[in-house]
């Protein structure tokens, strides 16, 4: 069963915040343990908490030291390749949201233009209030639809031409309901 989407907001109730922290930390450490066990990889975590004086180390102090030494031996460019801070994460999310917004605006514009085309074909739309940009967008959509129609038509014609050739080439195939002895067919 899928869980509901996580609400990323500050928890104002101190006891609820502490309980949530402990549950989430336990879940995170379990995931790290599973990664280590199932994938045979080295993992570590250092979790600072306002509720404890010392940070929580996973799997142990020696394990964390081993992973960090290995990490520091890699070239700096390789280290920074997938490293994110809060600012980087937010800028990535913003860029993704902006791109998603652009796509949605384009989809909405295309839907509006399709409605104009359908209304025009039904004789219900007057195009007098349209700007040059609107007409250019409309022309682009019509051209794209015509291109798709021609491509589909060519594919259908090509497939119809291949069917008789394939039937004639196959041994034991029946062409126009006639089959000769020995599995060979006649082409009529």
N, C-alpha and C. Protein backbone atom coordinates (compact mmCIF):
# COMPACT_ATOMS: atom_id res chain seq x y z
N UNK A 1 0.84 -1.17 0.00
CA UNK A 1 0.00 0.00 0.00
C UNK A 1 0.89 1.24 0.00
N UNK A 2 0.58 2.20 -0.83
CA UNK A 2 1.38 3.40 -0.94
C UNK A 2 1.09 4.34 0.22
N UNK A 3 2.14 5.01 0.67
CA UNK A 3 1.96 5.99 1.74
C UNK A 3 1.56 7.32 1.14
N UNK A 4 0.96 8.16 1.98
CA UNK A 4 0.60 9.49 1.50
C UNK A 4 1.87 10.34 1.39
N UNK A 5 1.81 11.40 0.62
CA UNK A 5 2.97 12.24 0.38
C UNK A 5 3.40 12.92 1.68
N UNK A 6 4.70 12.96 1.89
CA UNK A 6 5.28 13.54 3.09
C UNK A 6 5.16 15.05 3.04
N UNK A 7 4.65 15.65 4.10
CA UNK A 7 4.52 17.09 4.19
C UNK A 7 5.81 17.64 4.80
N UNK A 8 6.59 18.38 4.01
CA UNK A 8 7.84 18.92 4.50
C UNK A 8 7.57 20.26 5.18
N UNK A 9 7.33 20.20 6.46
CA UNK A 9 7.07 21.41 7.24
C UNK A 9 7.63 21.21 8.64
N UNK A 10 7.98 22.30 9.26
CA UNK A 10 8.52 22.27 10.61
C UNK A 10 7.44 21.79 11.57
N UNK A 11 7.81 20.90 12.47
CA UNK A 11 6.87 20.40 13.48
C UNK A 11 7.04 21.27 14.73
N UNK A 12 6.00 22.02 15.08
CA UNK A 12 6.09 22.98 16.17
C UNK A 12 5.98 22.34 17.55
N UNK A 13 5.27 21.26 17.67
CA UNK A 13 5.11 20.58 18.95
C UNK A 13 6.42 19.85 19.29
N UNK A 14 7.11 20.23 20.39
CA UNK A 14 8.42 19.64 20.71
C UNK A 14 8.39 18.13 20.92
N UNK A 15 7.38 17.63 21.60
CA UNK A 15 7.35 16.18 21.85
C UNK A 15 7.07 15.42 20.55
N UNK A 16 6.21 15.95 19.69
CA UNK A 16 5.94 15.31 18.40
C UNK A 16 7.18 15.38 17.51
N UNK A 17 7.90 16.50 17.57
CA UNK A 17 9.12 16.65 16.77
C UNK A 17 10.17 15.64 17.21
N UNK A 18 10.33 15.46 18.53
CA UNK A 18 11.31 14.51 19.05
C UNK A 18 10.94 13.08 18.65
N UNK A 19 9.66 12.74 18.77
CA UNK A 19 9.22 11.40 18.39
C UNK A 19 9.42 11.14 16.90
N UNK A 20 9.09 12.14 16.08
CA UNK A 20 9.27 12.01 14.63
C UNK A 20 10.75 11.85 14.30
N UNK A 21 11.59 12.64 14.97
CA UNK A 21 13.03 12.54 14.74
C UNK A 21 13.54 11.14 15.03
N UNK A 22 13.14 10.59 16.17
CA UNK A 22 13.63 9.25 16.54
C UNK A 22 13.15 8.19 15.55
N UNK A 23 11.87 8.28 15.14
CA UNK A 23 11.35 7.31 14.16
C UNK A 23 12.07 7.42 12.83
N UNK A 24 12.26 8.63 12.37
CA UNK A 24 12.90 8.82 11.05
C UNK A 24 14.37 8.42 11.09
N UNK A 25 15.05 8.72 12.19
CA UNK A 25 16.45 8.32 12.31
C UNK A 25 16.55 6.80 12.29
N UNK A 26 15.65 6.14 13.01
CA UNK A 26 15.66 4.67 13.03
C UNK A 26 15.42 4.12 11.63
N UNK A 27 14.47 4.72 10.89
CA UNK A 27 14.20 4.29 9.52
C UNK A 27 15.38 4.51 8.60
N UNK A 28 16.05 5.66 8.75
CA UNK A 28 17.22 5.96 7.93
C UNK A 28 18.34 4.97 8.20
N UNK A 29 18.59 4.68 9.46
CA UNK A 29 19.65 3.73 9.81
C UNK A 29 19.32 2.32 9.32
N UNK A 30 18.04 1.96 9.34
CA UNK A 30 17.63 0.65 8.81
C UNK A 30 17.89 0.58 7.31
N UNK A 31 17.58 1.68 6.59
CA UNK A 31 17.84 1.70 5.14
C UNK A 31 19.33 1.58 4.86
N UNK A 32 20.15 2.28 5.64
CA UNK A 32 21.60 2.18 5.46
C UNK A 32 22.08 0.75 5.73
N UNK A 33 21.53 0.13 6.75
CA UNK A 33 21.89 -1.25 7.07
C UNK A 33 21.51 -2.18 5.92
N UNK A 34 20.32 -1.98 5.37
CA UNK A 34 19.88 -2.81 4.23
C UNK A 34 20.78 -2.60 3.02
N UNK A 35 21.15 -1.36 2.74
CA UNK A 35 22.06 -1.09 1.62
C UNK A 35 23.38 -1.82 1.82
N UNK A 36 23.90 -1.75 3.03
CA UNK A 36 25.17 -2.41 3.33
C UNK A 36 25.05 -3.92 3.16
N UNK A 37 23.97 -4.48 3.64
CA UNK A 37 23.78 -5.93 3.59
C UNK A 37 23.48 -6.43 2.19
N UNK A 38 22.48 -5.85 1.53
CA UNK A 38 22.01 -6.36 0.25
C UNK A 38 22.92 -6.01 -0.92
N UNK A 39 23.55 -4.86 -0.87
CA UNK A 39 24.34 -4.39 -2.02
C UNK A 39 25.84 -4.49 -1.80
N UNK A 40 26.26 -4.95 -0.64
CA UNK A 40 27.68 -5.09 -0.32
C UNK A 40 28.44 -3.78 -0.57
N UNK A 41 27.93 -2.70 -0.04
CA UNK A 41 28.62 -1.42 -0.17
C UNK A 41 28.88 -0.85 1.21
N UNK A 42 29.87 0.02 1.28
CA UNK A 42 30.18 0.68 2.54
C UNK A 42 29.31 1.92 2.69
N UNK A 43 28.64 2.03 3.82
CA UNK A 43 27.83 3.21 4.11
C UNK A 43 28.17 3.72 5.49
N UNK A 44 27.91 4.99 5.70
CA UNK A 44 28.07 5.53 7.04
C UNK A 44 27.13 6.71 7.20
N UNK A 45 26.86 7.05 8.45
CA UNK A 45 26.03 8.20 8.75
C UNK A 45 26.52 8.83 10.05
N UNK A 46 26.49 10.15 10.06
CA UNK A 46 26.78 10.92 11.27
C UNK A 46 25.57 11.80 11.48
N UNK A 47 24.82 11.54 12.54
CA UNK A 47 23.58 12.27 12.77
C UNK A 47 23.69 13.04 14.09
N UNK A 48 23.67 14.36 13.97
CA UNK A 48 23.68 15.22 15.14
C UNK A 48 22.24 15.46 15.58
N UNK A 49 22.05 15.47 16.88
CA UNK A 49 20.70 15.63 17.42
C UNK A 49 20.72 16.66 18.54
N UNK A 50 19.68 17.50 18.61
CA UNK A 50 19.61 18.44 19.74
C UNK A 50 19.23 17.72 21.04
N UNK A 51 18.86 16.45 20.93
CA UNK A 51 18.40 15.71 22.10
C UNK A 51 19.52 14.88 22.73
N UNK A 52 20.67 14.79 22.08
CA UNK A 52 21.78 13.99 22.60
C UNK A 52 23.06 14.80 22.49
N UNK A 53 23.98 14.57 23.44
CA UNK A 53 25.22 15.33 23.47
C UNK A 53 26.18 14.88 22.36
N UNK A 54 26.22 13.58 22.10
CA UNK A 54 27.13 13.02 21.10
C UNK A 54 26.36 12.66 19.83
N UNK A 55 26.99 12.80 18.65
CA UNK A 55 26.30 12.40 17.42
C UNK A 55 26.16 10.88 17.34
N UNK A 56 25.14 10.45 16.63
CA UNK A 56 24.92 9.02 16.40
C UNK A 56 25.75 8.62 15.19
N UNK A 57 26.60 7.62 15.34
CA UNK A 57 27.46 7.15 14.26
C UNK A 57 26.97 5.79 13.78
N UNK A 58 26.91 5.62 12.48
CA UNK A 58 26.52 4.33 11.92
C UNK A 58 27.59 3.91 10.92
N UNK A 59 28.05 2.72 10.91
CA UNK A 59 27.78 1.57 11.76
C UNK A 59 28.53 1.66 13.09
N UNK A 60 29.73 2.27 13.07
CA UNK A 60 30.49 2.48 14.30
C UNK A 60 31.49 3.59 14.00
N UNK A 61 32.23 4.01 15.02
CA UNK A 61 33.22 5.08 14.81
C UNK A 61 34.29 4.61 13.82
N UNK A 62 34.71 3.36 13.94
CA UNK A 62 35.73 2.83 13.03
C UNK A 62 35.18 2.72 11.60
N UNK A 63 33.94 2.30 11.47
CA UNK A 63 33.31 2.18 10.15
C UNK A 63 33.16 3.54 9.48
N UNK A 64 32.76 4.55 10.25
CA UNK A 64 32.63 5.90 9.70
C UNK A 64 34.00 6.40 9.26
N UNK A 65 35.02 6.18 10.10
CA UNK A 65 36.37 6.62 9.77
C UNK A 65 36.85 5.96 8.47
N UNK A 66 36.60 4.67 8.33
CA UNK A 66 37.01 3.93 7.13
C UNK A 66 36.36 4.51 5.87
N UNK A 67 35.06 4.77 5.92
CA UNK A 67 34.34 5.31 4.76
C UNK A 67 34.81 6.72 4.43
N UNK A 68 35.01 7.55 5.45
CA UNK A 68 35.45 8.93 5.21
C UNK A 68 36.86 8.99 4.63
N UNK A 69 37.75 8.13 5.11
CA UNK A 69 39.11 8.09 4.55
C UNK A 69 39.05 7.67 3.09
N UNK A 70 38.24 6.69 2.79
CA UNK A 70 38.09 6.24 1.41
C UNK A 70 37.49 7.34 0.53
N UNK A 71 36.53 8.07 1.07
CA UNK A 71 35.91 9.17 0.33
C UNK A 71 36.91 10.28 0.05
N UNK A 72 37.73 10.61 1.04
CA UNK A 72 38.70 11.70 0.87
C UNK A 72 39.82 11.34 -0.09
N UNK A 73 40.04 10.06 -0.33
CA UNK A 73 41.06 9.63 -1.29
C UNK A 73 40.62 9.82 -2.74
N UNK A 74 39.33 9.92 -2.96
CA UNK A 74 38.85 10.13 -4.34
C UNK A 74 39.14 11.56 -4.76
N UNK A 75 39.31 11.81 -6.07
CA UNK A 75 39.58 13.17 -6.54
C UNK A 75 38.43 14.12 -6.17
N UNK A 76 38.78 15.40 -5.99
CA UNK A 76 37.79 16.37 -5.53
C UNK A 76 36.63 16.52 -6.51
N UNK A 77 36.92 16.46 -7.81
CA UNK A 77 35.85 16.57 -8.80
C UNK A 77 34.87 15.41 -8.66
N UNK A 78 35.40 14.24 -8.40
CA UNK A 78 34.55 13.05 -8.21
C UNK A 78 33.74 13.17 -6.92
N UNK A 79 34.34 13.75 -5.89
CA UNK A 79 33.63 13.92 -4.61
C UNK A 79 32.44 14.85 -4.78
N UNK A 80 32.61 15.92 -5.53
CA UNK A 80 31.58 16.95 -5.65
C UNK A 80 30.54 16.63 -6.72
N UNK A 81 30.75 15.55 -7.45
CA UNK A 81 29.87 15.24 -8.58
C UNK A 81 28.40 15.17 -8.18
N UNK A 82 28.08 14.46 -7.13
CA UNK A 82 26.67 14.30 -6.74
C UNK A 82 26.40 14.86 -5.35
N UNK A 83 27.27 15.73 -4.90
CA UNK A 83 27.10 16.31 -3.58
C UNK A 83 26.16 17.51 -3.67
N UNK A 84 25.21 17.58 -2.76
CA UNK A 84 24.26 18.69 -2.75
C UNK A 84 24.18 19.30 -1.36
N UNK A 85 24.02 20.60 -1.34
CA UNK A 85 23.67 21.27 -0.09
C UNK A 85 22.23 21.75 -0.22
N UNK A 86 21.73 22.42 0.78
CA UNK A 86 20.34 22.86 0.77
C UNK A 86 20.07 23.78 -0.42
N UNK A 87 21.01 24.70 -0.68
CA UNK A 87 20.83 25.65 -1.78
C UNK A 87 20.80 24.94 -3.13
N UNK A 88 21.72 23.99 -3.32
CA UNK A 88 21.76 23.24 -4.57
C UNK A 88 20.51 22.41 -4.79
N UNK A 89 20.03 21.80 -3.72
CA UNK A 89 18.82 20.99 -3.81
C UNK A 89 17.62 21.86 -4.19
N UNK A 90 17.51 23.02 -3.54
CA UNK A 90 16.38 23.91 -3.83
C UNK A 90 16.46 24.46 -5.25
N UNK A 91 17.67 24.81 -5.70
CA UNK A 91 17.78 25.33 -7.07
C UNK A 91 17.46 24.24 -8.09
N UNK A 92 17.81 22.99 -7.80
CA UNK A 92 17.43 21.88 -8.68
C UNK A 92 15.92 21.72 -8.73
N UNK A 93 15.27 21.80 -7.59
CA UNK A 93 13.81 21.67 -7.54
C UNK A 93 13.13 22.82 -8.28
N UNK A 94 13.68 24.03 -8.11
CA UNK A 94 13.10 25.20 -8.79
C UNK A 94 13.23 25.04 -10.30
N UNK A 95 14.41 24.62 -10.77
CA UNK A 95 14.62 24.44 -12.21
C UNK A 95 13.67 23.38 -12.76
N UNK A 96 13.49 22.30 -12.01
CA UNK A 96 12.58 21.23 -12.44
C UNK A 96 11.14 21.74 -12.48
N UNK A 97 10.75 22.53 -11.49
CA UNK A 97 9.40 23.07 -11.45
C UNK A 97 9.16 24.06 -12.58
N UNK A 98 10.17 24.87 -12.90
CA UNK A 98 10.05 25.83 -14.00
C UNK A 98 9.88 25.09 -15.32
N UNK A 99 10.65 24.03 -15.52
CA UNK A 99 10.53 23.23 -16.74
C UNK A 99 9.16 22.57 -16.83
N UNK A 100 8.67 22.08 -15.71
CA UNK A 100 7.35 21.45 -15.66
C UNK A 100 6.26 22.49 -15.98
N UNK A 101 6.42 23.71 -15.47
CA UNK A 101 5.47 24.78 -15.75
C UNK A 101 5.46 25.13 -17.23
N UNK A 102 6.64 25.20 -17.85
CA UNK A 102 6.72 25.48 -19.29
C UNK A 102 5.99 24.41 -20.10
N UNK A 103 6.24 23.15 -19.74
CA UNK A 103 5.57 22.05 -20.46
C UNK A 103 4.06 22.14 -20.31
N UNK A 104 3.61 22.45 -19.09
CA UNK A 104 2.17 22.54 -18.86
C UNK A 104 1.56 23.71 -19.63
N UNK A 105 2.27 24.83 -19.69
CA UNK A 105 1.78 25.98 -20.47
C UNK A 105 1.68 25.63 -21.95
N UNK A 106 2.70 24.92 -22.46
CA UNK A 106 2.66 24.51 -23.86
C UNK A 106 1.50 23.55 -24.12
N UNK A 107 1.30 22.61 -23.21
CA UNK A 107 0.18 21.68 -23.35
C UNK A 107 -1.16 22.41 -23.32
N UNK A 108 -1.28 23.37 -22.41
CA UNK A 108 -2.53 24.15 -22.33
C UNK A 108 -2.75 24.96 -23.60
N UNK A 109 -1.68 25.56 -24.11
CA UNK A 109 -1.80 26.36 -25.34
C UNK A 109 -2.22 25.46 -26.51
N UNK A 110 -1.61 24.29 -26.60
CA UNK A 110 -1.97 23.36 -27.67
C UNK A 110 -3.43 22.93 -27.53
N UNK A 111 -3.89 22.68 -26.31
CA UNK A 111 -5.29 22.29 -26.09
C UNK A 111 -6.23 23.42 -26.53
N UNK A 112 -5.88 24.67 -26.18
CA UNK A 112 -6.71 25.81 -26.59
C UNK A 112 -6.79 25.92 -28.10
N UNK A 113 -5.64 25.72 -28.77
CA UNK A 113 -5.63 25.81 -30.23
C UNK A 113 -6.44 24.68 -30.85
N UNK A 114 -6.38 23.51 -30.27
CA UNK A 114 -7.20 22.39 -30.78
C UNK A 114 -8.69 22.73 -30.65
N UNK A 115 -9.05 23.34 -29.54
CA UNK A 115 -10.44 23.73 -29.35
C UNK A 115 -10.86 24.76 -30.41
N UNK A 116 -9.96 25.69 -30.73
CA UNK A 116 -10.25 26.69 -31.77
C UNK A 116 -10.46 26.00 -33.11
N UNK A 117 -9.60 25.02 -33.42
CA UNK A 117 -9.73 24.28 -34.68
C UNK A 117 -11.07 23.56 -34.72
N UNK A 118 -11.42 22.84 -33.66
CA UNK A 118 -12.68 22.11 -33.63
C UNK A 118 -13.88 23.05 -33.75
N UNK A 119 -13.83 24.17 -33.04
CA UNK A 119 -14.92 25.14 -33.11
C UNK A 119 -15.01 25.75 -34.51
N UNK A 120 -13.85 26.01 -35.14
CA UNK A 120 -13.85 26.57 -36.50
C UNK A 120 -14.44 25.59 -37.50
N UNK A 121 -14.09 24.32 -37.35
CA UNK A 121 -14.63 23.31 -38.25
C UNK A 121 -16.14 23.17 -38.07
N UNK A 122 -16.62 23.43 -36.86
CA UNK A 122 -18.05 23.37 -36.61
C UNK A 122 -18.75 24.67 -36.99
N UNK A 123 -17.94 25.69 -37.33
CA UNK A 123 -18.50 26.98 -37.74
C UNK A 123 -18.92 27.86 -36.58
N UNK A 124 -18.37 27.62 -35.40
CA UNK A 124 -18.79 28.37 -34.21
C UNK A 124 -17.80 29.44 -33.76
N UNK A 125 -16.61 29.52 -34.37
CA UNK A 125 -15.60 30.45 -33.88
C UNK A 125 -15.30 31.53 -34.90
N UNK A 126 -15.16 32.73 -34.40
CA UNK A 126 -14.76 33.87 -35.23
C UNK A 126 -13.29 34.15 -34.90
N UNK A 127 -12.44 34.20 -35.90
CA UNK A 127 -11.00 34.36 -35.69
C UNK A 127 -10.56 35.82 -35.76
N UNK A 128 -11.47 36.77 -35.65
CA UNK A 128 -11.12 38.18 -35.81
C UNK A 128 -10.24 38.70 -34.68
N UNK A 129 -10.38 38.24 -33.47
CA UNK A 129 -9.61 38.75 -32.34
C UNK A 129 -8.23 38.13 -32.22
N UNK A 130 -7.82 37.31 -33.16
CA UNK A 130 -6.55 36.61 -33.07
C UNK A 130 -5.39 37.52 -33.45
N UNK A 131 -4.25 37.33 -32.76
CA UNK A 131 -3.04 38.07 -33.10
C UNK A 131 -2.23 37.27 -34.12
N UNK A 132 -1.16 37.87 -34.60
CA UNK A 132 -0.27 37.19 -35.55
C UNK A 132 0.34 35.96 -34.88
N UNK A 133 0.72 36.08 -33.61
CA UNK A 133 1.29 34.94 -32.88
C UNK A 133 0.28 33.80 -32.79
N UNK A 134 -0.99 34.14 -32.54
CA UNK A 134 -2.03 33.11 -32.47
C UNK A 134 -2.16 32.37 -33.80
N UNK A 135 -2.15 33.13 -34.91
CA UNK A 135 -2.25 32.49 -36.23
C UNK A 135 -1.02 31.65 -36.53
N UNK A 136 0.17 32.12 -36.14
CA UNK A 136 1.39 31.33 -36.36
C UNK A 136 1.34 30.03 -35.55
N UNK A 137 0.89 30.12 -34.31
CA UNK A 137 0.77 28.92 -33.48
C UNK A 137 -0.25 27.95 -34.07
N UNK A 138 -1.35 28.50 -34.56
CA UNK A 138 -2.39 27.69 -35.18
C UNK A 138 -1.86 26.99 -36.43
N UNK A 139 -1.11 27.73 -37.25
CA UNK A 139 -0.53 27.16 -38.46
C UNK A 139 0.46 26.04 -38.10
N UNK A 140 1.27 26.27 -37.06
CA UNK A 140 2.24 25.26 -36.64
C UNK A 140 1.52 23.98 -36.22
N UNK A 141 0.45 24.10 -35.45
CA UNK A 141 -0.29 22.93 -34.98
C UNK A 141 -0.93 22.19 -36.15
N UNK A 142 -1.51 22.92 -37.08
CA UNK A 142 -2.14 22.29 -38.25
C UNK A 142 -1.08 21.59 -39.09
N UNK A 143 0.08 22.24 -39.31
CA UNK A 143 1.16 21.61 -40.08
C UNK A 143 1.65 20.34 -39.40
N UNK A 144 1.78 20.39 -38.08
CA UNK A 144 2.24 19.20 -37.36
C UNK A 144 1.22 18.07 -37.47
N UNK A 145 -0.05 18.39 -37.36
CA UNK A 145 -1.09 17.37 -37.50
C UNK A 145 -1.11 16.79 -38.91
N UNK A 146 -0.94 17.64 -39.93
CA UNK A 146 -0.88 17.15 -41.31
C UNK A 146 0.32 16.23 -41.51
N UNK A 147 1.46 16.61 -40.94
CA UNK A 147 2.65 15.76 -41.03
C UNK A 147 2.39 14.40 -40.40
N UNK A 148 1.77 14.39 -39.21
CA UNK A 148 1.45 13.12 -38.54
C UNK A 148 0.49 12.28 -39.37
N UNK A 149 -0.48 12.92 -40.01
CA UNK A 149 -1.44 12.20 -40.85
C UNK A 149 -0.74 11.58 -42.05
N UNK A 150 0.14 12.34 -42.72
CA UNK A 150 0.87 11.81 -43.88
C UNK A 150 1.79 10.66 -43.46
N UNK A 151 2.43 10.79 -42.32
CA UNK A 151 3.30 9.73 -41.83
C UNK A 151 2.50 8.45 -41.56
N UNK A 152 1.34 8.61 -40.95
CA UNK A 152 0.48 7.47 -40.66
C UNK A 152 -0.01 6.82 -41.95
N UNK A 153 -0.40 7.65 -42.91
CA UNK A 153 -0.88 7.14 -44.21
C UNK A 153 0.23 6.36 -44.91
N UNK A 154 1.44 6.91 -44.93
CA UNK A 154 2.56 6.23 -45.57
C UNK A 154 2.86 4.90 -44.89
N UNK A 155 2.76 4.86 -43.58
CA UNK A 155 3.02 3.61 -42.85
C UNK A 155 1.96 2.57 -43.20
N UNK A 156 0.70 2.98 -43.31
CA UNK A 156 -0.38 2.05 -43.67
C UNK A 156 -0.16 1.51 -45.08
N UNK A 157 0.18 2.39 -46.01
CA UNK A 157 0.43 1.96 -47.40
C UNK A 157 1.61 1.01 -47.45
N UNK A 158 2.67 1.33 -46.73
CA UNK A 158 3.86 0.49 -46.70
C UNK A 158 3.53 -0.90 -46.13
N UNK A 159 2.74 -0.94 -45.06
CA UNK A 159 2.36 -2.22 -44.46
C UNK A 159 1.47 -3.03 -45.40
N UNK A 160 0.58 -2.38 -46.15
CA UNK A 160 -0.28 -3.09 -47.09
C UNK A 160 0.53 -3.67 -48.23
N UNK A 161 1.60 -2.99 -48.61
CA UNK A 161 2.45 -3.51 -49.69
C UNK A 161 3.27 -4.70 -49.20
N UNK A 162 3.64 -4.71 -47.92
CA UNK A 162 4.46 -5.80 -47.39
C UNK A 162 3.66 -7.07 -47.17
N UNK A 163 2.38 -6.97 -46.87
CA UNK A 163 1.56 -8.14 -46.57
C UNK A 163 1.49 -9.10 -47.75
N UNK A 164 1.17 -8.65 -48.99
CA UNK A 164 1.14 -9.60 -50.11
C UNK A 164 2.52 -10.20 -50.40
N UNK A 165 3.58 -9.42 -50.25
CA UNK A 165 4.92 -9.95 -50.48
C UNK A 165 5.28 -11.01 -49.45
N UNK A 166 4.93 -10.78 -48.21
CA UNK A 166 5.22 -11.75 -47.16
C UNK A 166 4.40 -13.02 -47.36
N UNK A 167 3.16 -12.88 -47.79
CA UNK A 167 2.31 -14.04 -48.02
C UNK A 167 2.85 -14.87 -49.18
N UNK A 168 3.37 -14.21 -50.21
CA UNK A 168 3.89 -14.92 -51.38
C UNK A 168 5.21 -15.60 -51.06
N UNK A 169 5.99 -15.02 -50.18
CA UNK A 169 7.31 -15.56 -49.87
C UNK A 169 7.26 -16.72 -48.89
N UNK A 170 6.22 -16.81 -48.09
CA UNK A 170 6.14 -17.85 -47.08
C UNK A 170 5.75 -19.18 -47.71
N UNK A 171 6.51 -20.27 -47.42
CA UNK A 171 6.13 -21.58 -47.96
C UNK A 171 4.84 -22.06 -47.30
N UNK A 172 3.98 -22.61 -48.12
CA UNK A 172 2.71 -23.12 -47.62
C UNK A 172 1.69 -22.02 -47.40
N UNK A 173 2.01 -20.81 -47.86
CA UNK A 173 1.08 -19.70 -47.66
C UNK A 173 -0.03 -19.78 -48.67
N UNK A 174 -1.15 -19.24 -48.31
CA UNK A 174 -2.31 -19.24 -49.19
C UNK A 174 -2.49 -17.84 -49.74
N UNK A 175 -2.52 -17.71 -51.07
CA UNK A 175 -2.76 -16.41 -51.70
C UNK A 175 -4.09 -16.50 -52.43
N UNK A 176 -4.99 -15.65 -52.12
CA UNK A 176 -6.32 -15.60 -52.71
C UNK A 176 -7.05 -16.93 -52.57
N UNK A 177 -6.76 -17.66 -51.52
CA UNK A 177 -7.48 -18.90 -51.24
C UNK A 177 -7.01 -20.08 -52.07
N UNK A 178 -5.93 -19.96 -52.86
CA UNK A 178 -5.45 -21.06 -53.70
C UNK A 178 -4.11 -21.54 -53.18
N UNK A 179 -3.98 -22.84 -53.07
CA UNK A 179 -2.71 -23.40 -52.65
C UNK A 179 -2.41 -24.60 -53.53
N UNK A 180 -1.16 -24.68 -53.98
CA UNK A 180 -0.77 -25.80 -54.83
C UNK A 180 -0.20 -26.90 -53.96
N UNK A 181 0.10 -28.04 -54.59
CA UNK A 181 0.72 -29.14 -53.86
C UNK A 181 2.14 -28.77 -53.48
N UNK A 182 2.62 -29.36 -52.43
CA UNK A 182 3.99 -29.12 -52.01
C UNK A 182 4.12 -27.85 -51.18
N UNK A 183 3.02 -27.23 -50.85
CA UNK A 183 3.08 -26.06 -50.00
C UNK A 183 3.33 -24.76 -50.73
N UNK A 184 3.48 -24.77 -52.06
CA UNK A 184 3.72 -23.53 -52.78
C UNK A 184 2.40 -22.93 -53.21
N UNK A 185 2.34 -21.61 -53.18
CA UNK A 185 1.09 -20.94 -53.54
C UNK A 185 1.27 -20.22 -54.86
N UNK A 186 0.17 -19.96 -55.47
CA UNK A 186 0.18 -19.20 -56.72
C UNK A 186 -0.21 -17.77 -56.42
N UNK A 187 0.41 -16.84 -57.12
CA UNK A 187 0.07 -15.42 -56.96
C UNK A 187 -0.85 -15.05 -58.09
N UNK A 188 -2.02 -14.56 -57.74
CA UNK A 188 -3.02 -14.19 -58.75
C UNK A 188 -3.10 -12.71 -58.92
